[in-house]
Amino acid sequence: MVNSCNLDHTLDDVKKKLADQRPFLLPTTAEKCSQYLTATQSQKNLNELFHLLKKYDLASDEEREIRNQKLNVFFQK
């Protein structure tokens, strides 16, 4: 997991975070996120995706590249 967090993030939380970060994401990544969230996901996966998206806009280019790689792996699960 990207970040240690004791909160469980709801599907609505993750969708809102995606909407907030969409302008900063690669278009293909944003679309994969949207498609991913149309299916039922485990709480663990929702939390992980939330933290990959959290503060994406504030991340350095290097951090964004790391997150993009993690997102690509994440969607292959």
N, C-alpha and C. Protein backbone atom coordinates (compact mmCIF):
# COMPACT_ATOMS: atom_id res chain seq x y z
N MET A 1 0.84 -1.18 0.00
CA MET A 1 0.00 0.00 0.00
C MET A 1 0.88 1.24 0.00
N VAL A 2 0.39 2.30 -0.61
CA VAL A 2 1.16 3.53 -0.74
C VAL A 2 1.36 4.20 0.60
N ASN A 3 0.33 4.24 1.40
CA ASN A 3 0.39 4.99 2.63
C ASN A 3 -0.31 4.19 3.72
N SER A 4 0.21 4.24 4.93
CA SER A 4 -0.44 3.57 6.04
C SER A 4 -1.56 4.48 6.54
N CYS A 5 -2.78 3.96 6.47
CA CYS A 5 -3.93 4.77 6.85
C CYS A 5 -4.95 3.86 7.51
N ASN A 6 -5.51 4.30 8.60
CA ASN A 6 -6.49 3.50 9.31
C ASN A 6 -7.92 3.76 8.84
N LEU A 7 -8.10 4.70 7.91
CA LEU A 7 -9.42 5.01 7.41
C LEU A 7 -9.77 4.13 6.22
N ASP A 8 -11.01 3.70 6.16
CA ASP A 8 -11.51 3.01 4.98
C ASP A 8 -12.19 4.05 4.11
N HIS A 9 -11.76 4.12 2.87
CA HIS A 9 -12.30 5.11 1.94
C HIS A 9 -13.41 4.46 1.12
N THR A 10 -14.53 5.15 1.04
CA THR A 10 -15.68 4.63 0.32
C THR A 10 -15.47 4.77 -1.18
N LEU A 11 -16.32 4.10 -1.93
CA LEU A 11 -16.29 4.24 -3.39
C LEU A 11 -16.50 5.70 -3.77
N ASP A 12 -17.42 6.38 -3.09
CA ASP A 12 -17.65 7.80 -3.36
C ASP A 12 -16.41 8.65 -3.08
N ASP A 13 -15.68 8.32 -2.00
CA ASP A 13 -14.44 9.04 -1.68
C ASP A 13 -13.45 8.90 -2.84
N VAL A 14 -13.31 7.68 -3.34
CA VAL A 14 -12.34 7.42 -4.40
C VAL A 14 -12.77 8.11 -5.70
N LYS A 15 -14.06 8.07 -6.00
CA LYS A 15 -14.55 8.74 -7.21
C LYS A 15 -14.34 10.25 -7.12
N LYS A 16 -14.56 10.82 -5.94
CA LYS A 16 -14.34 12.25 -5.76
C LYS A 16 -12.86 12.59 -5.91
N LYS A 17 -12.00 11.76 -5.34
CA LYS A 17 -10.56 11.99 -5.45
C LYS A 17 -10.14 11.90 -6.92
N LEU A 18 -10.69 10.93 -7.64
CA LEU A 18 -10.38 10.81 -9.07
C LEU A 18 -10.83 12.06 -9.82
N ALA A 19 -12.02 12.55 -9.54
CA ALA A 19 -12.52 13.76 -10.20
C ALA A 19 -11.61 14.95 -9.92
N ASP A 20 -11.14 15.06 -8.68
CA ASP A 20 -10.24 16.16 -8.30
C ASP A 20 -8.90 16.08 -9.02
N GLN A 21 -8.41 14.86 -9.20
CA GLN A 21 -7.06 14.68 -9.74
C GLN A 21 -7.04 14.44 -11.26
N ARG A 22 -8.21 14.21 -11.85
CA ARG A 22 -8.30 13.89 -13.28
C ARG A 22 -7.50 14.86 -14.17
N PRO A 23 -7.56 16.18 -13.94
CA PRO A 23 -6.80 17.09 -14.81
C PRO A 23 -5.28 16.86 -14.78
N PHE A 24 -4.79 16.21 -13.76
CA PHE A 24 -3.35 16.02 -13.58
C PHE A 24 -2.88 14.63 -14.03
N LEU A 25 -3.83 13.73 -14.21
CA LEU A 25 -3.51 12.35 -14.60
C LEU A 25 -3.37 12.24 -16.11
N LEU A 26 -2.62 11.24 -16.55
CA LEU A 26 -2.59 10.92 -17.97
C LEU A 26 -4.01 10.52 -18.36
N PRO A 27 -4.49 10.93 -19.52
CA PRO A 27 -5.87 10.59 -19.92
C PRO A 27 -6.16 9.09 -19.87
N THR A 28 -5.21 8.27 -20.29
CA THR A 28 -5.44 6.82 -20.26
C THR A 28 -5.55 6.30 -18.83
N THR A 29 -4.77 6.87 -17.94
CA THR A 29 -4.82 6.46 -16.53
C THR A 29 -6.15 6.87 -15.91
N ALA A 30 -6.60 8.06 -16.19
CA ALA A 30 -7.88 8.53 -15.66
C ALA A 30 -9.01 7.63 -16.15
N GLU A 31 -8.96 7.25 -17.42
CA GLU A 31 -10.01 6.39 -17.98
C GLU A 31 -9.97 5.00 -17.34
N LYS A 32 -8.76 4.47 -17.14
CA LYS A 32 -8.62 3.16 -16.48
C LYS A 32 -9.19 3.22 -15.07
N CYS A 33 -8.94 4.31 -14.36
CA CYS A 33 -9.49 4.48 -13.02
C CYS A 33 -11.01 4.47 -13.06
N SER A 34 -11.58 5.22 -13.97
CA SER A 34 -13.04 5.28 -14.09
C SER A 34 -13.63 3.92 -14.38
N GLN A 35 -13.03 3.20 -15.31
CA GLN A 35 -13.52 1.87 -15.66
C GLN A 35 -13.37 0.92 -14.48
N TYR A 36 -12.25 1.01 -13.79
CA TYR A 36 -11.99 0.15 -12.64
C TYR A 36 -13.06 0.32 -11.57
N LEU A 37 -13.51 1.54 -11.38
CA LEU A 37 -14.47 1.85 -10.33
C LEU A 37 -15.91 1.49 -10.70
N THR A 38 -16.14 1.00 -11.91
CA THR A 38 -17.48 0.57 -12.28
C THR A 38 -17.78 -0.83 -11.74
N ALA A 39 -16.75 -1.58 -11.41
CA ALA A 39 -16.92 -2.92 -10.85
C ALA A 39 -16.79 -2.85 -9.32
N THR A 40 -17.34 -3.83 -8.65
CA THR A 40 -17.22 -3.91 -7.20
C THR A 40 -15.76 -4.17 -6.83
N GLN A 41 -15.24 -3.39 -5.89
CA GLN A 41 -13.85 -3.51 -5.47
C GLN A 41 -13.77 -3.78 -3.98
N SER A 42 -12.71 -4.45 -3.59
CA SER A 42 -12.48 -4.70 -2.17
C SER A 42 -12.12 -3.40 -1.47
N GLN A 43 -12.31 -3.38 -0.16
CA GLN A 43 -11.95 -2.20 0.62
C GLN A 43 -10.46 -1.92 0.50
N LYS A 44 -9.66 -2.96 0.50
CA LYS A 44 -8.21 -2.80 0.37
C LYS A 44 -7.86 -2.09 -0.93
N ASN A 45 -8.50 -2.51 -2.04
CA ASN A 45 -8.22 -1.88 -3.32
C ASN A 45 -8.70 -0.44 -3.38
N LEU A 46 -9.86 -0.17 -2.79
CA LEU A 46 -10.34 1.21 -2.75
C LEU A 46 -9.36 2.10 -1.97
N ASN A 47 -8.90 1.61 -0.84
CA ASN A 47 -7.94 2.38 -0.04
C ASN A 47 -6.64 2.62 -0.80
N GLU A 48 -6.16 1.57 -1.46
CA GLU A 48 -4.90 1.70 -2.20
C GLU A 48 -5.03 2.71 -3.34
N LEU A 49 -6.11 2.62 -4.09
CA LEU A 49 -6.31 3.55 -5.20
C LEU A 49 -6.46 4.98 -4.68
N PHE A 50 -7.20 5.16 -3.60
CA PHE A 50 -7.36 6.48 -3.01
C PHE A 50 -5.99 7.10 -2.71
N HIS A 51 -5.11 6.32 -2.12
CA HIS A 51 -3.80 6.87 -1.72
C HIS A 51 -2.86 7.07 -2.90
N LEU A 52 -3.05 6.32 -3.97
CA LEU A 52 -2.27 6.59 -5.18
C LEU A 52 -2.71 7.91 -5.82
N LEU A 53 -3.98 8.23 -5.69
CA LEU A 53 -4.51 9.46 -6.27
C LEU A 53 -4.32 10.68 -5.35
N LYS A 54 -4.26 10.44 -4.05
CA LYS A 54 -4.19 11.52 -3.07
C LYS A 54 -2.97 12.42 -3.33
N LYS A 55 -3.23 13.71 -3.44
CA LYS A 55 -2.19 14.73 -3.64
C LYS A 55 -1.32 14.45 -4.87
N TYR A 56 -1.89 13.76 -5.85
CA TYR A 56 -1.17 13.51 -7.10
C TYR A 56 -0.74 14.83 -7.73
N ASP A 57 -1.61 15.83 -7.67
CA ASP A 57 -1.33 17.13 -8.26
C ASP A 57 -0.13 17.83 -7.62
N LEU A 58 0.16 17.50 -6.37
CA LEU A 58 1.28 18.14 -5.66
C LEU A 58 2.58 17.35 -5.75
N ALA A 59 2.51 16.16 -6.33
CA ALA A 59 3.68 15.29 -6.39
C ALA A 59 4.68 15.81 -7.43
N SER A 60 5.94 15.53 -7.16
CA SER A 60 6.99 15.89 -8.12
C SER A 60 6.83 15.01 -9.36
N ASP A 61 7.50 15.38 -10.43
CA ASP A 61 7.46 14.57 -11.65
C ASP A 61 7.94 13.15 -11.38
N GLU A 62 8.97 13.04 -10.57
CA GLU A 62 9.52 11.72 -10.22
C GLU A 62 8.48 10.90 -9.45
N GLU A 63 7.83 11.52 -8.48
CA GLU A 63 6.80 10.83 -7.69
C GLU A 63 5.61 10.45 -8.57
N ARG A 64 5.24 11.32 -9.49
CA ARG A 64 4.14 10.99 -10.41
C ARG A 64 4.48 9.78 -11.26
N GLU A 65 5.70 9.71 -11.73
CA GLU A 65 6.12 8.56 -12.54
C GLU A 65 6.03 7.27 -11.72
N ILE A 66 6.45 7.32 -10.48
CA ILE A 66 6.37 6.15 -9.59
C ILE A 66 4.90 5.76 -9.40
N ARG A 67 4.05 6.74 -9.16
CA ARG A 67 2.62 6.46 -8.97
C ARG A 67 2.00 5.92 -10.26
N ASN A 68 2.40 6.47 -11.41
CA ASN A 68 1.88 5.97 -12.68
C ASN A 68 2.24 4.50 -12.86
N GLN A 69 3.47 4.14 -12.52
CA GLN A 69 3.89 2.74 -12.62
C GLN A 69 3.07 1.88 -11.67
N LYS A 70 2.85 2.35 -10.46
CA LYS A 70 2.06 1.59 -9.48
C LYS A 70 0.61 1.46 -9.94
N LEU A 71 0.07 2.51 -10.54
CA LEU A 71 -1.29 2.45 -11.06
C LEU A 71 -1.39 1.42 -12.18
N ASN A 72 -0.40 1.40 -13.07
CA ASN A 72 -0.41 0.42 -14.16
C ASN A 72 -0.40 -1.01 -13.61
N VAL A 73 0.41 -1.25 -12.61
CA VAL A 73 0.45 -2.58 -11.97
C VAL A 73 -0.87 -2.85 -11.28
N PHE A 74 -1.40 -1.85 -10.62
CA PHE A 74 -2.65 -1.96 -9.88
C PHE A 74 -3.78 -2.44 -10.79
N PHE A 75 -3.88 -1.88 -11.99
CA PHE A 75 -4.96 -2.21 -12.90
C PHE A 75 -4.78 -3.57 -13.55
N GLN A 76 -3.62 -4.17 -13.39
CA GLN A 76 -3.38 -5.50 -13.94
C GLN A 76 -3.75 -6.59 -12.96
N LYS A 77 -4.13 -6.22 -11.76
CA LYS A 77 -4.50 -7.20 -10.73
C LYS A 77 -5.72 -7.97 -11.16
